[in-house]
Amino acid sequence: MLVLSRKQSQRIRLGDSIVITVVRVAGDKVRLGIDAPRDMLVLRDELEPHAGDAGEAEEFEIGPPILSRTA
């Protein structure tokens, strides 16, 4: 795993078509903006079904599963 440090408003580029921007840092939370092609699914990890997790309940904060696109 590559681990990068970024400050607010700084970006990370993945290939030619994906840009991740640190929108806001507040306490222990980071808000990210993700620019990606419309046909690419962008999903928080806890919403992705994982093999072997059937029947195991986890507690996590519920939020909007799909982010609105600005373009």
PDB file of N, CA and C in Angstrom:
ATOM      1  N   MET A   1       0.843  -1.178   0.000  1.00  0.00           N
ATOM      2  CA  MET A   1       0.000   0.000   0.000  1.00  0.00           C
ATOM      3  C   MET A   1       0.889   1.242   0.000  1.00  0.00           C
ATOM      4  N   LEU A   2       0.586   2.155  -0.853  1.00  0.00           N
ATOM      5  CA  LEU A   2       1.259   3.451  -0.889  1.00  0.00           C
ATOM      6  C   LEU A   2       0.521   4.392   0.051  1.00  0.00           C
ATOM      7  N   VAL A   3       1.244   5.027   0.966  1.00  0.00           N
ATOM      8  CA  VAL A   3       0.644   5.965   1.912  1.00  0.00           C
ATOM      9  C   VAL A   3       1.206   7.349   1.621  1.00  0.00           C
ATOM     10  N   LEU A   4       0.312   8.313   1.375  1.00  0.00           N
ATOM     11  CA  LEU A   4       0.716   9.676   1.052  1.00  0.00           C
ATOM     12  C   LEU A   4       0.158  10.646   2.079  1.00  0.00           C
ATOM     13  N   SER A   5       0.901  11.698   2.350  1.00  0.00           N
ATOM     14  CA  SER A   5       0.411  12.785   3.198  1.00  0.00           C
ATOM     15  C   SER A   5       0.029  13.946   2.300  1.00  0.00           C
ATOM     16  N   ARG A   6      -1.141  14.511   2.542  1.00  0.00           N
ATOM     17  CA  ARG A   6      -1.618  15.645   1.764  1.00  0.00           C
ATOM     18  C   ARG A   6      -2.221  16.655   2.718  1.00  0.00           C
ATOM     19  N   LYS A   7      -2.193  17.903   2.341  1.00  0.00           N
ATOM     20  CA  LYS A   7      -2.846  18.972   3.092  1.00  0.00           C
ATOM     21  C   LYS A   7      -4.118  19.375   2.360  1.00  0.00           C
ATOM     22  N   GLN A   8      -4.951  20.163   3.044  1.00  0.00           N
ATOM     23  CA  GLN A   8      -6.190  20.622   2.436  1.00  0.00           C
ATOM     24  C   GLN A   8      -5.908  21.285   1.096  1.00  0.00           C
ATOM     25  N   SER A   9      -6.727  21.014   0.117  1.00  0.00           N
ATOM     26  CA  SER A   9      -6.670  21.514  -1.261  1.00  0.00           C
ATOM     27  C   SER A   9      -5.614  20.830  -2.121  1.00  0.00           C
ATOM     28  N   GLN A  10      -4.813  19.941  -1.564  1.00  0.00           N
ATOM     29  CA  GLN A  10      -3.834  19.229  -2.377  1.00  0.00           C
ATOM     30  C   GLN A  10      -4.499  18.035  -3.045  1.00  0.00           C
ATOM     31  N   ARG A  11      -3.880  17.565  -4.129  1.00  0.00           N
ATOM     32  CA  ARG A  11      -4.488  16.525  -4.960  1.00  0.00           C
ATOM     33  C   ARG A  11      -3.574  15.329  -5.134  1.00  0.00           C
ATOM     34  N   ILE A  12      -4.206  14.230  -5.497  1.00  0.00           N
ATOM     35  CA  ILE A  12      -3.513  13.010  -5.884  1.00  0.00           C
ATOM     36  C   ILE A  12      -4.111  12.591  -7.216  1.00  0.00           C
ATOM     37  N   ARG A  13      -3.281  12.246  -8.168  1.00  0.00           N
ATOM     38  CA  ARG A  13      -3.747  11.796  -9.481  1.00  0.00           C
ATOM     39  C   ARG A  13      -3.521  10.297  -9.615  1.00  0.00           C
ATOM     40  N   LEU A  14      -4.542   9.607 -10.123  1.00  0.00           N
ATOM     41  CA  LEU A  14      -4.452   8.180 -10.417  1.00  0.00           C
ATOM     42  C   LEU A  14      -4.631   8.021 -11.917  1.00  0.00           C
ATOM     43  N   GLY A  15      -3.556   7.739 -12.600  1.00  0.00           N
ATOM     44  CA  GLY A  15      -3.627   7.648 -14.048  1.00  0.00           C
ATOM     45  C   GLY A  15      -3.957   8.996 -14.658  1.00  0.00           C
ATOM     46  N   ASP A  16      -4.588   8.956 -15.833  1.00  0.00           N
ATOM     47  CA  ASP A  16      -4.920  10.186 -16.550  1.00  0.00           C
ATOM     48  C   ASP A  16      -6.311  10.719 -16.236  1.00  0.00           C
ATOM     49  N   SER A  17      -7.178   9.894 -15.612  1.00  0.00           N
ATOM     50  CA  SER A  17      -8.577  10.308 -15.520  1.00  0.00           C
ATOM     51  C   SER A  17      -9.149  10.405 -14.109  1.00  0.00           C
ATOM     52  N   ILE A  18      -8.358  10.165 -13.080  1.00  0.00           N
ATOM     53  CA  ILE A  18      -8.883  10.215 -11.714  1.00  0.00           C
ATOM     54  C   ILE A  18      -8.066  11.197 -10.886  1.00  0.00           C
ATOM     55  N   VAL A  19      -8.769  12.129 -10.218  1.00  0.00           N
ATOM     56  CA  VAL A  19      -8.117  13.105  -9.343  1.00  0.00           C
ATOM     57  C   VAL A  19      -8.836  13.078  -7.998  1.00  0.00           C
ATOM     58  N   ILE A  20      -8.068  12.907  -6.927  1.00  0.00           N
ATOM     59  CA  ILE A  20      -8.610  12.935  -5.570  1.00  0.00           C
ATOM     60  C   ILE A  20      -8.104  14.203  -4.905  1.00  0.00           C
ATOM     61  N   THR A  21      -9.018  15.025  -4.387  1.00  0.00           N
ATOM     62  CA  THR A  21      -8.669  16.296  -3.754  1.00  0.00           C
ATOM     63  C   THR A  21      -9.056  16.252  -2.281  1.00  0.00           C
ATOM     64  N   VAL A  22      -8.151  16.688  -1.411  1.00  0.00           N
ATOM     65  CA  VAL A  22      -8.476  16.832   0.011  1.00  0.00           C
ATOM     66  C   VAL A  22      -9.271  18.128   0.131  1.00  0.00           C
ATOM     67  N   VAL A  23     -10.575  18.010   0.339  1.00  0.00           N
ATOM     68  CA  VAL A  23     -11.464  19.164   0.383  1.00  0.00           C
ATOM     69  C   VAL A  23     -11.427  19.825   1.758  1.00  0.00           C
ATOM     70  N   ARG A  24     -11.432  19.000   2.810  1.00  0.00           N
ATOM     71  CA  ARG A  24     -11.486  19.557   4.165  1.00  0.00           C
ATOM     72  C   ARG A  24     -10.909  18.565   5.159  1.00  0.00           C
ATOM     73  N   VAL A  25     -10.203  19.076   6.151  1.00  0.00           N
ATOM     74  CA  VAL A  25      -9.711  18.274   7.264  1.00  0.00           C
ATOM     75  C   VAL A  25     -10.269  18.901   8.535  1.00  0.00           C
ATOM     76  N   ALA A  26     -10.993  18.115   9.323  1.00  0.00           N
ATOM     77  CA  ALA A  26     -11.579  18.616  10.568  1.00  0.00           C
ATOM     78  C   ALA A  26     -11.450  17.528  11.630  1.00  0.00           C
ATOM     79  N   GLY A  27     -10.563  17.738  12.580  1.00  0.00           N
ATOM     80  CA  GLY A  27     -10.354  16.743  13.629  1.00  0.00           C
ATOM     81  C   GLY A  27      -9.836  15.450  13.042  1.00  0.00           C
ATOM     82  N   ASP A  28     -10.548  14.352  13.298  1.00  0.00           N
ATOM     83  CA  ASP A  28     -10.117  13.049  12.788  1.00  0.00           C
ATOM     84  C   ASP A  28     -10.824  12.663  11.492  1.00  0.00           C
ATOM     85  N   LYS A  29     -11.491  13.614  10.842  1.00  0.00           N
ATOM     86  CA  LYS A  29     -12.201  13.335   9.587  1.00  0.00           C
ATOM     87  C   LYS A  29     -11.592  14.109   8.432  1.00  0.00           C
ATOM     88  N   VAL A  30     -11.563  13.453   7.295  1.00  0.00           N
ATOM     89  CA  VAL A  30     -11.053  14.060   6.066  1.00  0.00           C
ATOM     90  C   VAL A  30     -12.154  13.961   5.024  1.00  0.00           C
ATOM     91  N   ARG A  31     -12.468  15.059   4.362  1.00  0.00           N
ATOM     92  CA  ARG A  31     -13.451  15.062   3.277  1.00  0.00           C
ATOM     93  C   ARG A  31     -12.678  15.079   1.964  1.00  0.00           C
ATOM     94  N   LEU A  32     -12.974  14.109   1.104  1.00  0.00           N
ATOM     95  CA  LEU A  32     -12.291  13.977  -0.177  1.00  0.00           C
ATOM     96  C   LEU A  32     -13.246  14.273  -1.320  1.00  0.00           C
ATOM     97  N   GLY A  33     -12.733  14.900  -2.363  1.00  0.00           N
ATOM     98  CA  GLY A  33     -13.464  15.076  -3.608  1.00  0.00           C
ATOM     99  C   GLY A  33     -12.825  14.167  -4.638  1.00  0.00           C
ATOM    100  N   ILE A  34     -13.627  13.431  -5.384  1.00  0.00           N
ATOM    101  CA  ILE A  34     -13.106  12.475  -6.356  1.00  0.00           C
ATOM    102  C   ILE A  34     -13.666  12.809  -7.724  1.00  0.00           C
ATOM    103  N   ASP A  35     -12.784  13.123  -8.660  1.00  0.00           N
ATOM    104  CA  ASP A  35     -13.161  13.323 -10.061  1.00  0.00           C
ATOM    105  C   ASP A  35     -12.767  12.062 -10.809  1.00  0.00           C
ATOM    106  N   ALA A  36     -13.768  11.377 -11.364  1.00  0.00           N
ATOM    107  CA  ALA A  36     -13.524  10.129 -12.082  1.00  0.00           C
ATOM    108  C   ALA A  36     -14.504  10.043 -13.243  1.00  0.00           C
ATOM    109  N   PRO A  37     -14.205   9.209 -14.232  1.00  0.00           N
ATOM    110  CA  PRO A  37     -15.145   9.035 -15.345  1.00  0.00           C
ATOM    111  C   PRO A  37     -16.504   8.555 -14.831  1.00  0.00           C
ATOM    112  N   ARG A  38     -17.572   8.972 -15.491  1.00  0.00           N
ATOM    113  CA  ARG A  38     -18.927   8.625 -15.059  1.00  0.00           C
ATOM    114  C   ARG A  38     -19.170   7.118 -15.021  1.00  0.00           C
ATOM    115  N   ASP A  39     -18.480   6.359 -15.854  1.00  0.00           N
ATOM    116  CA  ASP A  39     -18.710   4.915 -15.883  1.00  0.00           C
ATOM    117  C   ASP A  39     -17.931   4.171 -14.798  1.00  0.00           C
ATOM    118  N   MET A  40     -17.162   4.878 -13.979  1.00  0.00           N
ATOM    119  CA  MET A  40     -16.398   4.253 -12.906  1.00  0.00           C
ATOM    120  C   MET A  40     -17.178   4.351 -11.597  1.00  0.00           C
ATOM    121  N   LEU A  41     -17.395   3.219 -10.959  1.00  0.00           N
ATOM    122  CA  LEU A  41     -18.096   3.183  -9.684  1.00  0.00           C
ATOM    123  C   LEU A  41     -17.168   3.675  -8.579  1.00  0.00           C
ATOM    124  N   VAL A  42     -17.628   4.658  -7.804  1.00  0.00           N
ATOM    125  CA  VAL A  42     -16.887   5.161  -6.644  1.00  0.00           C
ATOM    126  C   VAL A  42     -17.751   4.852  -5.430  1.00  0.00           C
ATOM    127  N   LEU A  43     -17.253   3.978  -4.555  1.00  0.00           N
ATOM    128  CA  LEU A  43     -18.058   3.464  -3.457  1.00  0.00           C
ATOM    129  C   LEU A  43     -17.207   3.367  -2.200  1.00  0.00           C
ATOM    130  N   ARG A  44     -17.754   3.789  -1.068  1.00  0.00           N
ATOM    131  CA  ARG A  44     -17.042   3.642   0.204  1.00  0.00           C
ATOM    132  C   ARG A  44     -16.861   2.158   0.511  1.00  0.00           C
ATOM    133  N   ASP A  45     -15.745   1.817   1.134  1.00  0.00           N
ATOM    134  CA  ASP A  45     -15.407   0.419   1.387  1.00  0.00           C
ATOM    135  C   ASP A  45     -16.476  -0.319   2.190  1.00  0.00           C
ATOM    136  N   GLU A  46     -17.058   0.314   3.208  1.00  0.00           N
ATOM    137  CA  GLU A  46     -18.025  -0.396   4.046  1.00  0.00           C
ATOM    138  C   GLU A  46     -19.322  -0.702   3.311  1.00  0.00           C
ATOM    139  N   LEU A  47     -19.537  -0.138   2.140  1.00  0.00           N
ATOM    140  CA  LEU A  47     -20.732  -0.436   1.350  1.00  0.00           C
ATOM    141  C   LEU A  47     -20.489  -1.537   0.329  1.00  0.00           C
ATOM    142  N   GLU A  48     -19.250  -1.935   0.150  1.00  0.00           N
ATOM    143  CA  GLU A  48     -18.888  -2.992  -0.792  1.00  0.00           C
ATOM    144  C   GLU A  48     -19.000  -4.339  -0.081  1.00  0.00           C
ATOM    145  N   PRO A  49     -19.790  -5.274  -0.623  1.00  0.00           N
ATOM    146  CA  PRO A  49     -19.881  -6.588   0.023  1.00  0.00           C
ATOM    147  C   PRO A  49     -18.551  -7.328  -0.101  1.00  0.00           C
ATOM    148  N   HIS A  50     -18.079  -7.872   1.006  1.00  0.00           N
ATOM    149  CA  HIS A  50     -16.817  -8.609   1.021  1.00  0.00           C
ATOM    150  C   HIS A  50     -17.100 -10.092   1.204  1.00  0.00           C
ATOM    151  N   ALA A  51     -16.327 -10.928   0.538  1.00  0.00           N
ATOM    152  CA  ALA A  51     -16.475 -12.372   0.681  1.00  0.00           C
ATOM    153  C   ALA A  51     -16.202 -12.764   2.127  1.00  0.00           C
ATOM    154  N   GLY A  52     -17.029 -13.641   2.675  1.00  0.00           N
ATOM    155  CA  GLY A  52     -16.821 -14.121   4.032  1.00  0.00           C
ATOM    156  C   GLY A  52     -17.455 -13.258   5.104  1.00  0.00           C
ATOM    157  N   ASP A  53     -18.081 -12.159   4.748  1.00  0.00           N
ATOM    158  CA  ASP A  53     -18.687 -11.279   5.739  1.00  0.00           C
ATOM    159  C   ASP A  53     -20.154 -11.626   6.010  1.00  0.00           C
ATOM    160  N   ALA A  54     -20.682 -12.618   5.335  1.00  0.00           N
ATOM    161  CA  ALA A  54     -22.098 -12.946   5.492  1.00  0.00           C
ATOM    162  C   ALA A  54     -22.396 -13.306   6.942  1.00  0.00           C
ATOM    163  N   GLY A  55     -23.430 -12.714   7.483  1.00  0.00           N
ATOM    164  CA  GLY A  55     -23.841 -13.013   8.835  1.00  0.00           C
ATOM    165  C   GLY A  55     -23.102 -12.243   9.905  1.00  0.00           C
ATOM    166  N   GLU A  56     -22.067 -11.517   9.547  1.00  0.00           N
ATOM    167  CA  GLU A  56     -21.322 -10.734  10.521  1.00  0.00           C
ATOM    168  C   GLU A  56     -21.786  -9.292  10.452  1.00  0.00           C
ATOM    169  N   ALA A  57     -22.336  -8.792  11.537  1.00  0.00           N
ATOM    170  CA  ALA A  57     -22.827  -7.412  11.560  1.00  0.00           C
ATOM    171  C   ALA A  57     -21.715  -6.482  12.015  1.00  0.00           C
ATOM    172  N   GLU A  58     -21.598  -5.359  11.365  1.00  0.00           N
ATOM    173  CA  GLU A  58     -20.641  -4.336  11.760  1.00  0.00           C
ATOM    174  C   GLU A  58     -21.394  -3.040  11.963  1.00  0.00           C
ATOM    175  N   GLU A  59     -20.911  -2.236  12.896  1.00  0.00           N
ATOM    176  CA  GLU A  59     -21.486  -0.917  13.086  1.00  0.00           C
ATOM    177  C   GLU A  59     -20.630   0.090  12.350  1.00  0.00           C
ATOM    178  N   PHE A  60     -21.274   0.971  11.597  1.00  0.00           N
ATOM    179  CA  PHE A  60     -20.562   2.045  10.927  1.00  0.00           C
ATOM    180  C   PHE A  60     -21.521   3.186  10.679  1.00  0.00           C
ATOM    181  N   GLU A  61     -20.951   4.340  10.469  1.00  0.00           N
ATOM    182  CA  GLU A  61     -21.753   5.538  10.231  1.00  0.00           C
ATOM    183  C   GLU A  61     -22.376   5.473   8.846  1.00  0.00           C
ATOM    184  N   ILE A  62     -23.676   5.704   8.753  1.00  0.00           N
ATOM    185  CA  ILE A  62     -24.373   5.681   7.472  1.00  0.00           C
ATOM    186  C   ILE A  62     -24.348   7.079   6.865  1.00  0.00           C
ATOM    187  N   GLY A  63     -24.043   7.152   5.602  1.00  0.00           N
ATOM    188  CA  GLY A  63     -24.026   8.417   4.880  1.00  0.00           C
ATOM    189  C   GLY A  63     -24.462   8.169   3.456  1.00  0.00           C
ATOM    190  N   PRO A  64     -24.427   9.179   2.614  1.00  0.00           N
ATOM    191  CA  PRO A  64     -24.860   8.986   1.230  1.00  0.00           C
ATOM    192  C   PRO A  64     -23.938   8.007   0.510  1.00  0.00           C
ATOM    193  N   PRO A  65     -24.477   6.935  -0.092  1.00  0.00           N
ATOM    194  CA  PRO A  65     -23.639   5.936  -0.742  1.00  0.00           C
ATOM    195  C   PRO A  65     -23.069   6.401  -2.073  1.00  0.00           C
ATOM    196  N   ILE A  66     -23.739   7.312  -2.741  1.00  0.00           N
ATOM    197  CA  ILE A  66     -23.263   7.781  -4.041  1.00  0.00           C
ATOM    198  C   ILE A  66     -23.048   9.279  -3.954  1.00  0.00           C
ATOM    199  N   LEU A  67     -21.890   9.705  -4.378  1.00  0.00           N
ATOM    200  CA  LEU A  67     -21.555  11.120  -4.320  1.00  0.00           C
ATOM    201  C   LEU A  67     -22.093  11.830  -5.548  1.00  0.00           C
ATOM    202  N   SER A  68     -22.538  13.041  -5.389  1.00  0.00           N
ATOM    203  CA  SER A  68     -23.009  13.803  -6.541  1.00  0.00           C
ATOM    204  C   SER A  68     -21.816  14.247  -7.370  1.00  0.00           C
ATOM    205  N   ARG A  69     -21.991  14.269  -8.650  1.00  0.00           N
ATOM    206  CA  ARG A  69     -20.917  14.679  -9.558  1.00  0.00           C
ATOM    207  C   ARG A  69     -21.129  16.125  -9.941  1.00  0.00           C
ATOM    208  N   THR A  70     -20.032  16.870  -9.986  1.00  0.00           N
ATOM    209  CA  THR A  70     -20.133  18.299 -10.267  1.00  0.00           C
ATOM    210  C   THR A  70     -19.965  18.625 -11.737  1.00  0.00           C
ATOM    211  N   ALA A  71     -19.571  17.655 -12.537  1.00  0.00           N
ATOM    212  CA  ALA A  71     -19.351  17.932 -13.963  1.00  0.00           C
ATOM    213  C   ALA A  71     -20.450  17.345 -14.804  1.00  0.00           C
TER     214      ALA A  71
END
